[in-house]
Amino acid sequence: MVLLQPDPFLNELKSMFERSTETGSVWVTLKRSSLKSKVQRNKMKTAGQTIEYRCLIRATDGKKTISTSVGAKDHQRFQASYATILKAHMTALKKRERKDRKKAAEDKKDSGSKKPKRV
């Protein structure tokens, strides 16, 4: 697994999506990480030091795996770029069928009317 800087990671993610347009999938996972071992974190806690947590992002297409780590300062900029890439490459999704608003309102009125009870 290759740990890239955020910008090269986004470029590689874009090319990964382009390679898998016809067949295949791309899996992206995000998780909180400090990039330190458990022993190091415990030592930092006992010493009273603060632990800086980062967002670890991994992407794979089954053949190649890439990853990056994003800090809190760069998170919004990275997330905006990541969202743009996702929107551009999710072309296989079907659009939701929406009812006409007038028809929907009429359907509500018809189903909402109460029928008198027979005794």
C-alpha atoms as a PDB file:
ATOM      1  CA  MET A   1       0.000   0.000   0.000  1.00  0.00           C
ATOM      2  CA  VAL A   2       1.328   3.397  -1.003  1.00  0.00           C
ATOM      3  CA  LEU A   3       0.836   6.409   1.287  1.00  0.00           C
ATOM      4  CA  LEU A   4       0.493   9.433  -0.992  1.00  0.00           C
ATOM      5  CA  GLN A   5       0.066  13.141  -0.412  1.00  0.00           C
ATOM      6  CA  PRO A   6      -3.599  14.273  -0.789  1.00  0.00           C
ATOM      7  CA  ASP A   7      -3.292  15.830  -4.278  1.00  0.00           C
ATOM      8  CA  PRO A   8      -1.516  12.875  -5.958  1.00  0.00           C
ATOM      9  CA  PHE A   9      -3.993  10.588  -4.167  1.00  0.00           C
ATOM     10  CA  LEU A  10      -6.927  12.432  -5.757  1.00  0.00           C
ATOM     11  CA  ASN A  11      -5.269  12.239  -9.189  1.00  0.00           C
ATOM     12  CA  GLU A  12      -4.682   8.506  -8.800  1.00  0.00           C
ATOM     13  CA  LEU A  13      -8.232   8.005  -7.513  1.00  0.00           C
ATOM     14  CA  LYS A  14      -9.550   9.795 -10.593  1.00  0.00           C
ATOM     15  CA  SER A  15      -7.561   7.520 -12.914  1.00  0.00           C
ATOM     16  CA  MET A  16      -8.721   4.490 -10.893  1.00  0.00           C
ATOM     17  CA  PHE A  17     -12.352   5.505 -11.455  1.00  0.00           C
ATOM     18  CA  GLU A  18     -11.685   6.020 -15.171  1.00  0.00           C
ATOM     19  CA  ARG A  19     -10.111   2.554 -15.512  1.00  0.00           C
ATOM     20  CA  SER A  20     -13.121   0.915 -13.876  1.00  0.00           C
ATOM     21  CA  THR A  21     -15.890   2.648 -15.867  1.00  0.00           C
ATOM     22  CA  GLU A  22     -16.764  -0.347 -18.051  1.00  0.00           C
ATOM     23  CA  THR A  23     -16.262  -3.156 -15.537  1.00  0.00           C
ATOM     24  CA  GLY A  24     -15.138  -3.265 -11.953  1.00  0.00           C
ATOM     25  CA  SER A  25     -15.581  -1.265  -8.785  1.00  0.00           C
ATOM     26  CA  VAL A  26     -13.581   1.085  -6.614  1.00  0.00           C
ATOM     27  CA  TRP A  27     -13.825   0.797  -2.832  1.00  0.00           C
ATOM     28  CA  VAL A  28     -12.993   3.814  -0.696  1.00  0.00           C
ATOM     29  CA  THR A  29     -12.730   3.619   3.086  1.00  0.00           C
ATOM     30  CA  LEU A  30     -12.196   6.406   5.596  1.00  0.00           C
ATOM     31  CA  LYS A  31     -11.217   6.000   9.239  1.00  0.00           C
ATOM     32  CA  ARG A  32      -9.737   7.917  12.122  1.00  0.00           C
ATOM     33  CA  SER A  33      -6.079   7.215  12.775  1.00  0.00           C
ATOM     34  CA  SER A  34      -3.192   8.715  14.664  1.00  0.00           C
ATOM     35  CA  LEU A  35      -0.595   6.934  12.482  1.00  0.00           C
ATOM     36  CA  LYS A  36       1.145   5.814  15.650  1.00  0.00           C
ATOM     37  CA  SER A  37       1.309   2.406  17.250  1.00  0.00           C
ATOM     38  CA  LYS A  38      -0.694   1.609  20.350  1.00  0.00           C
ATOM     39  CA  VAL A  39       2.470   1.608  22.473  1.00  0.00           C
ATOM     40  CA  GLN A  40       3.428   5.085  21.272  1.00  0.00           C
ATOM     41  CA  ARG A  41      -0.099   6.396  21.923  1.00  0.00           C
ATOM     42  CA  ASN A  42      -0.047   4.999  25.479  1.00  0.00           C
ATOM     43  CA  LYS A  43       3.334   6.650  26.134  1.00  0.00           C
ATOM     44  CA  MET A  44       2.003   9.967  24.847  1.00  0.00           C
ATOM     45  CA  LYS A  45      -1.090   9.685  27.081  1.00  0.00           C
ATOM     46  CA  THR A  46       0.978   9.014  30.203  1.00  0.00           C
ATOM     47  CA  ALA A  47       3.322  11.903  29.320  1.00  0.00           C
ATOM     48  CA  GLY A  48       0.313  14.197  28.951  1.00  0.00           C
ATOM     49  CA  GLN A  49       0.884  14.940  25.287  1.00  0.00           C
ATOM     50  CA  THR A  50      -2.067  15.431  22.965  1.00  0.00           C
ATOM     51  CA  ILE A  51      -2.574  12.945  20.175  1.00  0.00           C
ATOM     52  CA  GLU A  52      -3.373  14.426  16.778  1.00  0.00           C
ATOM     53  CA  TYR A  53      -5.853  12.238  14.969  1.00  0.00           C
ATOM     54  CA  ARG A  54      -5.993  12.288  11.193  1.00  0.00           C
ATOM     55  CA  CYS A  55      -8.333  10.847   8.588  1.00  0.00           C
ATOM     56  CA  LEU A  56      -6.851   7.820   6.807  1.00  0.00           C
ATOM     57  CA  ILE A  57      -8.364   7.307   3.350  1.00  0.00           C
ATOM     58  CA  ARG A  58      -7.772   4.115   1.394  1.00  0.00           C
ATOM     59  CA  ALA A  59      -8.917   3.254  -2.115  1.00  0.00           C
ATOM     60  CA  THR A  60      -8.630   0.006  -4.038  1.00  0.00           C
ATOM     61  CA  ASP A  61      -9.885  -1.450  -7.273  1.00  0.00           C
ATOM     62  CA  GLY A  62      -8.925  -4.999  -6.333  1.00  0.00           C
ATOM     63  CA  LYS A  63      -5.531  -4.774  -8.039  1.00  0.00           C
ATOM     64  CA  LYS A  64      -3.983  -1.590  -6.721  1.00  0.00           C
ATOM     65  CA  THR A  65      -4.329   0.023  -3.290  1.00  0.00           C
ATOM     66  CA  ILE A  66      -3.559   3.649  -2.525  1.00  0.00           C
ATOM     67  CA  SER A  67      -3.947   5.667   0.655  1.00  0.00           C
ATOM     68  CA  THR A  68      -3.457   9.108   2.116  1.00  0.00           C
ATOM     69  CA  SER A  69      -3.694  10.815   5.469  1.00  0.00           C
ATOM     70  CA  VAL A  70      -5.480  14.154   5.865  1.00  0.00           C
ATOM     71  CA  GLY A  71      -5.231  16.428   8.880  1.00  0.00           C
ATOM     72  CA  ALA A  72      -7.976  18.588  10.334  1.00  0.00           C
ATOM     73  CA  LYS A  73      -6.631  21.736   8.647  1.00  0.00           C
ATOM     74  CA  ASP A  74      -6.788  20.314   5.113  1.00  0.00           C
ATOM     75  CA  HIS A  75      -9.929  18.234   5.570  1.00  0.00           C
ATOM     76  CA  GLN A  76     -12.466  20.671   4.072  1.00  0.00           C
ATOM     77  CA  ARG A  77     -10.395  21.332   0.951  1.00  0.00           C
ATOM     78  CA  PHE A  78      -9.778  17.608   0.460  1.00  0.00           C
ATOM     79  CA  GLN A  79     -13.442  16.755   1.017  1.00  0.00           C
ATOM     80  CA  ALA A  80     -14.559  19.299  -1.600  1.00  0.00           C
ATOM     81  CA  SER A  81     -12.167  17.874  -4.199  1.00  0.00           C
ATOM     82  CA  TYR A  82     -13.137  14.316  -3.283  1.00  0.00           C
ATOM     83  CA  ALA A  83     -16.849  15.133  -3.656  1.00  0.00           C
ATOM     84  CA  THR A  84     -16.237  16.638  -7.095  1.00  0.00           C
ATOM     85  CA  ILE A  85     -14.477  13.461  -8.248  1.00  0.00           C
ATOM     86  CA  LEU A  86     -17.264  11.254  -6.877  1.00  0.00           C
ATOM     87  CA  LYS A  87     -19.991  13.300  -8.570  1.00  0.00           C
ATOM     88  CA  ALA A  88     -18.152  13.179 -11.890  1.00  0.00           C
ATOM     89  CA  HIS A  89     -17.668   9.402 -11.868  1.00  0.00           C
ATOM     90  CA  MET A  90     -20.985   8.141 -10.491  1.00  0.00           C
ATOM     91  CA  THR A  91     -22.634   8.042 -13.886  1.00  0.00           C
ATOM     92  CA  ALA A  92     -24.041   4.518 -13.573  1.00  0.00           C
ATOM     93  CA  LEU A  93     -26.545   5.494 -10.880  1.00  0.00           C
ATOM     94  CA  LYS A  94     -30.186   5.723 -11.908  1.00  0.00           C
ATOM     95  CA  LYS A  95     -32.127   8.917 -11.300  1.00  0.00           C
ATOM     96  CA  ARG A  96     -35.054   8.732  -8.917  1.00  0.00           C
ATOM     97  CA  GLU A  97     -38.476   8.763 -10.529  1.00  0.00           C
ATOM     98  CA  ARG A  98     -40.477  11.659  -9.139  1.00  0.00           C
ATOM     99  CA  LYS A  99     -44.234  11.992  -9.220  1.00  0.00           C
ATOM    100  CA  ASP A 100     -45.808  15.165 -10.483  1.00  0.00           C
ATOM    101  CA  ARG A 101     -46.648  17.353  -7.472  1.00  0.00           C
ATOM    102  CA  LYS A 102     -50.266  17.836  -8.522  1.00  0.00           C
ATOM    103  CA  LYS A 103     -50.799  14.097  -8.921  1.00  0.00           C
ATOM    104  CA  ALA A 104     -49.167  13.451  -5.564  1.00  0.00           C
ATOM    105  CA  ALA A 105     -51.453  16.003  -3.870  1.00  0.00           C
ATOM    106  CA  GLU A 106     -54.531  14.436  -5.491  1.00  0.00           C
ATOM    107  CA  ASP A 107     -53.457  10.957  -4.408  1.00  0.00           C
ATOM    108  CA  LYS A 108     -53.146  12.191  -0.823  1.00  0.00           C
ATOM    109  CA  LYS A 109     -56.633  13.679  -0.895  1.00  0.00           C
ATOM    110  CA  ASP A 110     -58.153  10.476  -2.274  1.00  0.00           C
ATOM    111  CA  SER A 111     -56.461   8.221   0.259  1.00  0.00           C
ATOM    112  CA  GLY A 112     -57.162  10.639   3.121  1.00  0.00           C
ATOM    113  CA  SER A 113     -60.922  10.754   2.663  1.00  0.00           C
ATOM    114  CA  LYS A 114     -62.751   8.635   5.214  1.00  0.00           C
ATOM    115  CA  LYS A 115     -65.534   6.290   4.265  1.00  0.00           C
ATOM    116  CA  PRO A 116     -68.586   6.152   6.564  1.00  0.00           C
ATOM    117  CA  LYS A 117     -68.828   3.064   8.722  1.00  0.00           C
ATOM    118  CA  ARG A 118     -71.768   0.701   8.359  1.00  0.00           C
ATOM    119  CA  VAL A 119     -73.493  -0.369  11.513  1.00  0.00           C
END
